[in-house]
Amino acid sequence: MRRTAGTALAAAILTLLAACGDDEPTTARDPSAEPDQSASEPTEGETTEVPDWPSCAEVWVAEATLPQGYKGCLDGDTAVKADRQMCSSGQVLVTYDELFYAVVGGPVNETEGLAQDSHYRSAKQSCLA
């Protein structure tokens, strides 16, 4: 049986609103969501170590589960940090490439563009409520 858009939307909203014990801690401030102010560009002679993150193409697949503890992914040898938004529920809404979004531990949703996608806008509104 095929999932309808309404079923997918309901599942996405329920995932956003669910308060699971395995979710990240419910704190008002998540330091990992903020950019590292102490990091600087490497100077000549220094090498930048590529993090041990999964490929973006492996992570950002429609209906795959965004892993707990997701910090980012690799686009080739380029590290792409997670674009995270802390939700009022304590969950974390993550977006990638202006096309994908997911709650950490929830299903990845693919759109034709986040700005135009009504399901994403609804999920973000629920996140910030």
Protein backbone atom coordinates (compact mmCIF):
# COMPACT_ATOMS: atom_id res chain seq x y z
CA MET A 1 0.00 0.00 0.00
CA ARG A 2 1.44 3.39 -0.97
CA ARG A 3 1.80 6.12 1.59
CA THR A 4 -0.16 9.21 0.81
CA ALA A 5 1.20 12.72 1.23
CA GLY A 6 -1.15 13.16 4.19
CA THR A 7 0.17 10.04 5.90
CA ALA A 8 3.75 11.16 5.31
CA LEU A 9 2.93 14.62 6.69
CA ALA A 10 1.24 13.16 9.75
CA ALA A 11 4.23 10.89 10.37
CA ALA A 12 6.64 13.81 10.03
CA ILE A 13 4.65 16.00 12.42
CA LEU A 14 4.27 13.19 14.95
CA THR A 15 8.00 12.56 14.75
CA LEU A 16 8.63 16.24 15.44
CA LEU A 17 6.27 16.32 18.38
CA ALA A 18 7.17 12.97 19.92
CA ALA A 19 9.15 13.18 23.12
CA CYS A 20 11.23 10.02 23.20
CA GLY A 21 13.61 9.09 26.01
CA ASP A 22 16.35 8.42 23.45
CA ASP A 23 16.24 11.97 22.08
CA GLU A 24 18.98 14.45 22.79
CA PRO A 25 18.74 16.26 26.14
CA THR A 26 16.13 18.96 26.43
CA THR A 27 18.25 21.99 27.13
CA ALA A 28 17.61 25.59 26.25
CA ARG A 29 21.01 25.89 24.61
CA ASP A 30 22.81 23.28 22.50
CA PRO A 31 26.47 24.31 22.15
CA SER A 32 26.97 21.82 19.30
CA ALA A 33 24.37 23.76 17.28
CA GLU A 34 26.55 26.85 17.30
CA PRO A 35 29.57 27.32 15.06
CA ASP A 36 32.95 26.82 16.69
CA GLN A 37 34.30 30.33 17.19
CA SER A 38 37.80 29.08 18.05
CA ALA A 39 38.31 27.33 14.71
CA SER A 40 40.44 29.11 12.15
CA GLU A 41 41.59 28.46 8.63
CA PRO A 42 44.68 26.25 8.48
CA THR A 43 47.92 28.03 7.73
CA GLU A 44 50.54 26.85 5.25
CA GLY A 45 52.04 23.59 6.40
CA GLU A 46 48.96 22.65 8.47
CA THR A 47 46.61 19.97 7.23
CA THR A 48 42.93 19.79 7.99
CA GLU A 49 41.84 16.37 9.16
CA VAL A 50 38.68 15.14 7.46
CA PRO A 51 36.14 13.99 10.09
CA ASP A 52 35.04 10.37 10.19
CA TRP A 53 31.54 11.21 8.95
CA PRO A 54 29.38 9.27 6.49
CA SER A 55 28.91 10.34 2.88
CA CYS A 56 26.12 12.91 2.40
CA ALA A 57 24.74 10.71 -0.40
CA GLU A 58 24.39 7.83 2.10
CA VAL A 59 22.74 9.90 4.85
CA TRP A 60 20.36 12.13 2.91
CA VAL A 61 18.14 9.53 1.27
CA ALA A 62 14.35 9.95 1.37
CA GLU A 63 12.76 7.90 4.19
CA ALA A 64 16.14 6.79 5.60
CA THR A 65 16.61 7.50 9.32
CA LEU A 66 18.82 10.45 10.28
CA PRO A 67 21.19 8.90 12.84
CA GLN A 68 21.27 9.94 16.50
CA GLY A 69 24.33 12.07 17.16
CA TYR A 70 24.45 13.29 13.53
CA LYS A 71 27.13 15.99 13.27
CA GLY A 72 27.50 16.24 9.51
CA CYS A 73 28.49 14.39 6.37
CA LEU A 74 31.17 14.33 3.69
CA ASP A 75 30.62 15.66 0.19
CA GLY A 76 33.70 14.09 -1.37
CA ASP A 77 36.50 15.25 0.95
CA THR A 78 34.54 18.31 2.10
CA ALA A 79 33.00 18.18 5.57
CA VAL A 80 29.44 19.57 5.64
CA LYS A 81 28.42 20.43 9.22
CA ALA A 82 24.85 19.72 10.25
CA ASP A 83 22.53 22.71 9.80
CA ARG A 84 20.66 22.27 13.08
CA GLN A 85 17.65 24.02 14.61
CA MET A 86 16.81 23.29 18.25
CA CYS A 87 13.10 22.67 18.70
CA SER A 88 11.07 23.75 21.71
CA SER A 89 10.39 20.04 22.34
CA GLY A 90 14.12 19.39 22.73
CA GLN A 91 14.41 17.65 19.39
CA VAL A 92 16.75 18.82 16.64
CA LEU A 93 15.54 19.65 13.12
CA VAL A 94 18.33 19.29 10.54
CA THR A 95 18.37 20.47 6.93
CA TYR A 96 20.74 19.66 4.08
CA ASP A 97 21.32 21.22 0.67
CA GLU A 98 18.06 23.23 0.78
CA LEU A 99 16.29 20.01 -0.32
CA PHE A 100 16.23 17.63 2.67
CA TYR A 101 15.10 17.83 6.30
CA ALA A 102 14.73 15.45 9.23
CA VAL A 103 14.51 15.31 12.98
CA VAL A 104 17.51 13.51 14.47
CA GLY A 105 16.43 9.88 14.81
CA GLY A 106 13.52 10.38 12.39
CA PRO A 107 12.90 9.85 8.68
CA VAL A 108 14.62 11.99 6.03
CA ASN A 109 12.20 14.03 3.93
CA GLU A 110 13.14 15.11 0.40
CA THR A 111 11.58 18.25 -1.09
CA GLU A 112 11.83 20.20 -4.32
CA GLY A 113 13.02 23.14 -2.20
CA LEU A 114 12.61 23.79 1.51
CA ALA A 115 11.34 27.36 1.08
CA GLN A 116 8.46 26.20 -1.13
CA ASP A 117 7.60 22.99 0.72
CA SER A 118 4.47 23.30 2.88
CA HIS A 119 5.33 20.15 4.88
CA TYR A 120 8.76 21.55 5.80
CA ARG A 121 7.29 24.94 6.73
CA SER A 122 4.73 23.18 8.94
CA ALA A 123 7.44 21.03 10.56
CA LYS A 124 9.61 24.09 11.24
CA GLN A 125 6.64 25.99 12.69
CA SER A 126 5.89 23.01 14.99
CA CYS A 127 9.56 22.87 15.94
CA LEU A 128 9.65 26.51 17.00
CA ALA A 129 6.23 26.52 18.72
